[in-house]
Amino acid sequence: MIHILVTGANGQVGSEIRELANNYPDWKFTYIDIEELDLTNRPGVKDFFGEHKFNYCINCAAYTAVDKAESNEALAHKVNATAVKYVAEACRDNGTGLIHLSTDYVYHNDQNTPFKEGDITTPKGVYARTKLEGDLLAQEINPKTLILRTSWVYSSFGENFVKTMLRLGRDKKELSVIFDQIGSPTYATDLAKAMLLIIDKVESGEVPAEKFNDLYHFSNEGVTSWYDFAKTIFSLATIDCVVLPIETKDYPTAAERPPFSLLNKAKIKETFGVEVPYWRDSLKKCLKLLGEIRFRSY
């Protein structure tokens, strides 16, 4: 039986994995969050992995408060780098494959073509730097590590851009949203499906095990801005709220966002046969789950 540990299990991606677990009746899943295990506690992590002997660990745990990270650098580093180090050590010592979720924020330059896995990383800000450090530590420490970088994650769980727009759109007649940051949303359900498919392909022997030990990108297909994303949410949910396009400079934040962070997904599609849905199609599915377009047919 394949035994998979999911850390950060109460977040968006961890919650989606719980929803999909029934599709894998022959696999065992263990879900933990900070209440069950503090990943910054090295002895605790070591003992936990030694007791349970996981085949894989999907690490969804992270400090993702991008702006707060600027004034909480020690905590962000502890969660995004130090904890990853301890998890990677425990995985290495127990022969556990590690899937570590990373971010498009590590790419922050003037490039205007979709980022490939081999492109240079230029993180700006505490969140981006600590996430990249975690990536590098995981790969250095545990040979069986797959780094999966993603962007603009949302789902029917937790707090995210989609749910924030739905709330604000009903409370306000007008909203200003940034139009000069470009990327692609990622529906957490699609991301979770991709990770489980990768494990399935490797375990079945369909994909050589050495292909697991690499860096990959995943987000939904297509390209948009935050402004167009918001406009689409309101259109599909029939919310009457005017969206005004503004530039990044008109909405200052503590942490600087990448102006362009579109990810090239060719590698993960070619290697594992992952199907990547178009972002609008996935958004419709999420809104249907939330009851926002229940009575409309698409």
Protein backbone atom coordinates (compact mmCIF):
# COMPACT_ATOMS: atom_id res chain seq x y z
CA MET A 1 0.00 0.00 0.00
CA ILE A 2 1.23 3.48 -0.87
CA HIS A 3 1.26 5.75 2.17
CA ILE A 4 1.16 9.50 1.50
CA LEU A 5 1.69 12.25 4.04
CA VAL A 6 0.05 15.60 3.27
CA THR A 7 1.42 18.54 5.26
CA GLY A 8 -0.38 21.84 5.47
CA ALA A 9 -3.44 19.68 5.04
CA ASN A 10 -5.98 22.30 6.10
CA GLY A 11 -5.01 24.70 3.33
CA GLN A 12 -6.48 24.94 -0.14
CA VAL A 13 -4.41 22.24 -1.84
CA GLY A 14 -4.42 19.90 1.15
CA SER A 15 -8.20 20.16 1.35
CA GLU A 16 -8.49 19.31 -2.34
CA ILE A 17 -6.33 16.23 -1.86
CA ARG A 18 -8.72 15.07 0.86
CA GLU A 19 -11.58 15.40 -1.63
CA LEU A 20 -9.72 13.31 -4.23
CA ALA A 21 -8.44 10.61 -1.88
CA ASN A 22 -11.47 8.38 -2.43
CA ASN A 23 -10.33 7.95 -6.03
CA TYR A 24 -7.34 6.03 -4.67
CA PRO A 25 -8.85 3.36 -2.39
CA ASP A 26 -5.62 1.34 -2.32
CA TRP A 27 -3.61 4.28 -0.99
CA LYS A 28 -3.37 5.47 2.60
CA PHE A 29 -3.36 9.20 3.32
CA THR A 30 -2.22 10.90 6.51
CA TYR A 31 -3.07 14.59 6.90
CA ILE A 32 -1.29 16.93 9.27
CA ASP A 33 -1.23 20.65 9.94
CA ILE A 34 0.39 22.73 12.65
CA GLU A 35 -1.97 21.28 15.28
CA GLU A 36 -0.71 17.74 14.64
CA LEU A 37 2.98 18.44 13.98
CA ASP A 38 5.16 21.53 14.06
CA LEU A 39 7.41 21.12 11.03
CA THR A 40 9.91 23.56 12.52
CA ASN A 41 10.55 21.06 15.34
CA ARG A 42 13.39 18.94 13.96
CA PRO A 43 13.25 16.07 16.51
CA GLY A 44 9.47 15.91 16.21
CA VAL A 45 9.62 15.70 12.42
CA LYS A 46 12.33 13.06 12.55
CA ASP A 47 10.38 10.90 15.01
CA PHE A 48 7.09 11.28 13.13
CA PHE A 49 8.58 10.13 9.81
CA GLY A 50 10.45 7.30 11.49
CA GLU A 51 7.28 5.98 13.09
CA HIS A 52 5.06 6.04 10.01
CA LYS A 53 7.33 5.25 7.03
CA PHE A 54 5.66 7.23 4.26
CA ASN A 55 6.23 6.49 0.59
CA TYR A 56 5.57 10.11 -0.35
CA CYS A 57 5.19 13.46 1.35
CA ILE A 58 3.24 16.23 -0.39
CA ASN A 59 4.40 19.38 1.36
CA CYS A 60 1.69 22.05 1.12
CA ALA A 61 2.80 23.83 4.29
CA ALA A 62 4.06 27.37 3.77
CA TYR A 63 4.02 30.91 5.10
CA THR A 64 2.01 32.56 2.33
CA ALA A 65 1.13 35.95 3.85
CA VAL A 66 3.21 37.73 1.22
CA ASP A 67 2.98 41.24 2.64
CA LYS A 68 3.21 40.25 6.29
CA ALA A 69 6.38 38.34 5.48
CA GLU A 70 8.16 41.65 4.93
CA SER A 71 7.86 42.42 8.65
CA ASN A 72 8.00 38.79 9.83
CA GLU A 73 11.09 37.58 8.04
CA ALA A 74 12.21 35.24 10.82
CA LEU A 75 8.89 33.41 10.85
CA ALA A 76 8.65 33.25 7.06
CA HIS A 77 12.16 31.81 6.89
CA LYS A 78 11.40 29.32 9.63
CA VAL A 79 8.35 27.95 7.80
CA ASN A 80 9.43 28.29 4.16
CA ALA A 81 13.06 27.23 4.51
CA THR A 82 13.98 25.71 7.87
CA ALA A 83 10.89 23.49 8.07
CA VAL A 84 11.47 22.35 4.48
CA LYS A 85 15.01 21.41 5.45
CA TYR A 86 13.75 19.24 8.30
CA VAL A 87 11.09 17.59 6.15
CA ALA A 88 13.63 16.90 3.39
CA GLU A 89 16.03 15.36 5.91
CA ALA A 90 13.30 13.10 7.26
CA CYS A 91 12.29 12.12 3.72
CA ARG A 92 15.88 11.31 2.80
CA ASP A 93 16.44 9.22 5.93
CA ASN A 94 13.28 7.18 5.29
CA GLY A 95 13.41 6.85 1.49
CA THR A 96 10.35 9.07 1.09
CA GLY A 97 9.62 10.88 -2.16
CA LEU A 98 8.94 14.57 -1.58
CA ILE A 99 6.63 16.77 -3.65
CA HIS A 100 7.26 20.32 -2.54
CA LEU A 101 4.94 23.12 -3.65
CA SER A 102 6.66 26.30 -4.73
CA THR A 103 5.70 29.58 -6.32
CA ASP A 104 5.88 31.76 -9.41
CA TYR A 105 7.21 34.56 -7.17
CA VAL A 106 10.74 33.19 -7.59
CA TYR A 107 10.62 34.55 -11.17
CA HIS A 108 10.68 38.31 -11.06
CA ASN A 109 12.31 40.03 -14.02
CA ASP A 110 11.50 41.65 -17.35
CA GLN A 111 10.91 38.40 -19.24
CA ASN A 112 7.76 38.40 -21.40
CA THR A 113 7.62 34.75 -22.48
CA PRO A 114 6.33 31.94 -20.22
CA PHE A 115 8.94 30.86 -17.70
CA LYS A 116 10.55 27.46 -18.20
CA GLU A 117 12.01 25.41 -15.39
CA GLY A 118 15.58 26.26 -16.39
CA ASP A 119 15.07 30.01 -16.38
CA ILE A 120 16.98 32.11 -13.89
CA THR A 121 15.32 32.83 -10.56
CA THR A 122 15.29 36.43 -9.36
CA PRO A 123 13.16 36.54 -6.18
CA LYS A 124 12.25 39.89 -4.68
CA GLY A 125 10.87 40.14 -1.18
CA VAL A 126 10.98 37.89 1.87
CA TYR A 127 8.29 35.46 0.72
CA ALA A 128 9.94 34.85 -2.66
CA ARG A 129 13.45 34.51 -1.22
CA THR A 130 12.45 32.12 1.54
CA LYS A 131 10.41 29.96 -0.84
CA LEU A 132 13.35 29.68 -3.22
CA GLU A 133 15.66 28.78 -0.35
CA GLY A 134 13.25 26.01 0.61
CA ASP A 135 13.26 24.70 -2.97
CA LEU A 136 17.04 24.56 -3.08
CA LEU A 137 17.33 22.93 0.33
CA ALA A 138 14.80 20.24 -0.56
CA GLN A 139 16.60 19.35 -3.80
CA GLU A 140 20.01 19.41 -2.17
CA ILE A 141 19.08 17.27 0.83
CA ASN A 142 16.68 14.67 -0.58
CA PRO A 143 17.51 13.10 -3.97
CA LYS A 144 13.88 12.00 -4.34
CA THR A 145 12.37 15.49 -4.58
CA LEU A 146 9.97 17.01 -7.08
CA ILE A 147 9.60 20.78 -6.90
CA LEU A 148 6.27 21.95 -8.31
CA ARG A 149 5.95 25.69 -8.92
CA THR A 150 2.49 27.13 -9.31
CA SER A 151 0.68 30.49 -9.37
CA TRP A 152 -2.47 32.36 -8.32
CA VAL A 153 -4.01 29.41 -6.43
CA TYR A 154 -7.72 29.46 -5.56
CA SER A 155 -10.38 26.93 -4.59
CA SER A 156 -13.70 26.53 -2.82
CA PHE A 157 -11.72 26.18 0.43
CA GLY A 158 -10.03 28.85 2.50
CA GLU A 159 -9.43 32.46 1.55
CA ASN A 160 -8.37 33.38 -1.96
CA PHE A 161 -8.86 35.94 -4.73
CA VAL A 162 -12.02 34.35 -6.11
CA LYS A 163 -13.83 34.30 -2.78
CA THR A 164 -12.60 37.79 -1.93
CA MET A 165 -13.96 39.14 -5.22
CA LEU A 166 -17.30 37.43 -4.68
CA ARG A 167 -17.60 39.06 -1.26
CA LEU A 168 -16.43 42.51 -2.31
CA GLY A 169 -18.44 42.46 -5.52
CA ARG A 170 -21.65 42.13 -3.57
CA ASP A 171 -20.68 44.76 -1.02
CA LYS A 172 -19.44 47.42 -3.42
CA LYS A 173 -20.68 49.04 -6.60
CA GLU A 174 -17.16 49.59 -7.89
CA LEU A 175 -13.73 47.97 -7.44
CA SER A 176 -10.26 48.86 -8.68
CA VAL A 177 -8.13 45.88 -9.69
CA ILE A 178 -4.58 45.74 -11.04
CA PHE A 179 -4.31 45.13 -14.79
CA ASP A 180 -0.53 45.15 -15.32
CA GLN A 181 0.32 41.91 -13.49
CA ILE A 182 0.06 38.99 -15.89
CA GLY A 183 -0.10 35.26 -15.19
CA SER A 184 -2.50 32.35 -14.95
CA PRO A 185 -4.82 31.27 -12.12
CA THR A 186 -4.54 27.74 -10.73
CA TYR A 187 -7.57 25.84 -9.50
CA ALA A 188 -6.33 23.85 -6.51
CA THR A 189 -8.37 20.82 -7.60
CA ASP A 190 -6.39 20.64 -10.85
CA LEU A 191 -3.11 21.04 -8.98
CA ALA A 192 -3.99 18.26 -6.53
CA LYS A 193 -5.02 15.97 -9.39
CA ALA A 194 -1.70 16.58 -11.11
CA MET A 195 0.32 15.64 -8.03
CA LEU A 196 -1.61 12.43 -7.44
CA LEU A 197 -1.33 11.52 -11.13
CA ILE A 198 2.44 11.97 -10.96
CA ILE A 199 2.67 9.56 -8.03
CA ASP A 200 0.41 7.09 -9.82
CA LYS A 201 2.47 7.23 -13.02
CA VAL A 202 5.73 6.66 -11.14
CA GLU A 203 4.36 3.88 -8.94
CA SER A 204 2.86 2.05 -11.92
CA GLY A 205 6.17 2.23 -13.77
CA GLU A 206 4.62 4.16 -16.64
CA VAL A 207 7.10 6.97 -15.98
CA PRO A 208 10.69 6.18 -14.86
CA ALA A 209 11.29 6.98 -11.19
CA GLU A 210 14.20 9.27 -12.02
CA LYS A 211 11.79 11.66 -13.78
CA PHE A 212 10.32 12.38 -10.37
CA ASN A 213 13.51 14.00 -9.16
CA ASP A 214 13.16 17.31 -10.96
CA LEU A 215 11.51 20.72 -11.16
CA TYR A 216 8.14 21.21 -12.87
CA HIS A 217 5.57 23.95 -13.44
CA PHE A 218 1.80 23.73 -13.12
CA SER A 219 -0.93 26.34 -13.50
CA ASN A 220 -4.05 26.39 -15.60
CA GLU A 221 -3.72 27.11 -19.31
CA GLY A 222 -4.23 30.57 -20.72
CA VAL A 223 -3.13 34.01 -19.69
CA THR A 224 -4.91 36.83 -17.87
CA SER A 225 -4.48 39.78 -15.54
CA TRP A 226 -5.97 40.24 -12.08
CA TYR A 227 -8.34 42.79 -13.64
CA ASP A 228 -9.60 40.34 -16.28
CA PHE A 229 -9.78 37.58 -13.67
CA ALA A 230 -12.06 39.74 -11.53
CA LYS A 231 -14.19 40.75 -14.53
CA THR A 232 -14.66 37.08 -15.44
CA ILE A 233 -15.64 36.15 -11.88
CA PHE A 234 -18.32 38.82 -11.81
CA SER A 235 -19.59 37.92 -15.27
CA LEU A 236 -19.95 34.21 -14.48
CA ALA A 237 -21.51 34.87 -11.07
CA THR A 238 -23.77 37.62 -12.48
CA ILE A 239 -22.52 40.17 -9.98
CA ASP A 240 -23.22 43.77 -10.92
CA CYS A 241 -19.99 45.46 -9.89
CA VAL A 242 -17.92 47.81 -12.03
CA VAL A 243 -14.24 46.84 -12.23
CA LEU A 244 -11.77 49.63 -12.89
CA PRO A 245 -8.26 48.81 -14.18
CA ILE A 246 -5.40 50.33 -12.21
CA GLU A 247 -1.62 50.04 -12.40
CA THR A 248 0.50 48.34 -9.75
CA LYS A 249 1.98 51.70 -8.75
CA ASP A 250 -1.50 52.88 -7.81
CA TYR A 251 -1.94 50.05 -5.30
CA PRO A 252 1.24 49.95 -3.18
CA THR A 253 1.90 46.81 -1.12
CA ALA A 254 4.64 45.83 1.31
CA ALA A 255 5.89 43.10 -1.01
CA GLU A 256 6.56 43.63 -4.69
CA ARG A 257 4.62 41.31 -7.02
CA PRO A 258 6.05 39.84 -10.24
CA PRO A 259 4.73 41.84 -13.21
CA PHE A 260 4.76 38.72 -15.40
CA SER A 261 4.79 35.19 -14.05
CA LEU A 262 3.22 33.00 -16.70
CA LEU A 263 4.51 29.43 -16.39
CA ASN A 264 5.37 27.11 -19.27
CA LYS A 265 3.78 23.69 -18.58
CA ALA A 266 5.23 21.73 -21.51
CA LYS A 267 7.58 19.71 -19.32
CA ILE A 268 4.99 18.33 -16.90
CA LYS A 269 2.60 17.55 -19.76
CA GLU A 270 5.23 15.71 -21.79
CA THR A 271 6.75 13.83 -18.85
CA PHE A 272 3.67 12.72 -16.95
CA GLY A 273 0.84 13.18 -19.44
CA VAL A 274 -0.80 15.76 -17.19
CA GLU A 275 -3.82 17.41 -18.79
CA VAL A 276 -3.98 21.11 -17.99
CA PRO A 277 -7.48 22.68 -18.12
CA TYR A 278 -8.09 26.21 -19.39
CA TRP A 279 -8.40 28.68 -16.52
CA ARG A 280 -11.91 29.88 -17.37
CA ASP A 281 -13.22 26.29 -17.49
CA SER A 282 -11.77 25.55 -14.06
CA LEU A 283 -13.11 28.82 -12.66
CA LYS A 284 -16.61 27.81 -13.79
CA LYS A 285 -16.26 24.51 -11.92
CA CYS A 286 -15.20 26.28 -8.74
CA LEU A 287 -18.04 28.80 -8.97
CA LYS A 288 -20.53 25.98 -9.48
CA LEU A 289 -19.24 24.31 -6.31
CA LEU A 290 -19.69 27.59 -4.48
CA GLY A 291 -23.25 27.81 -5.78
CA GLU A 292 -22.51 30.94 -7.78
CA ILE A 293 -23.64 29.69 -11.20
CA ARG A 294 -25.94 26.90 -10.09
CA PHE A 295 -28.77 27.90 -12.38
CA ARG A 296 -26.73 28.65 -15.47
CA SER A 297 -25.64 26.23 -18.14
CA TYR A 298 -22.15 26.39 -19.66
